């Protein structure tokens, strides 16, 4: 059989394969799941903040070093949980809100051992997230992460919990 005839048969076979309607149709499970994920990301965005912390460089006091990270709003009083490495030795801390507004924040406390810190934006009302049940977290469960990765506002990732760190 000539290669061109074989290729035509393969292409015709592939073209005739359709995904099952139950998974891909207008009312498909995967499309509904995709819509739900997009909705979750939309609801999480206002509860995620971009953190910008600056400190003077030790060798050159006139130059500033900038750290950028994410934080999650903890309560309506403006407490935000972030990584301790983002705010370590910061002299100025700013929070960039979803709308792009930049507001000053102050360090409430940090713990280098756990790698966590709490900052606060005062004088603004925030909508805190509703937290899930941490006892339900297991390897293999689905997870959705929304943050501000490297300054990209509302970056999101969806996947599986692949493991937990011991200790």
Foldseek 3Di string as FASTA:
>chain_A
DDPVVVVVVVVVVVVPDDDDCCQPNPPHPVVVVVVVLVVVLVVQQQQKKKKWFWDADPVGNVDIDIAIWMWGQAFFQFKTKTFCVRHPRGPWMWIQGPVRDIATKAWPDDDVVVRMTIIGGHDGTGDHDDDDDPVPQDFFDKDKDFYQPPNNRGDIDIDTRHDDDDD
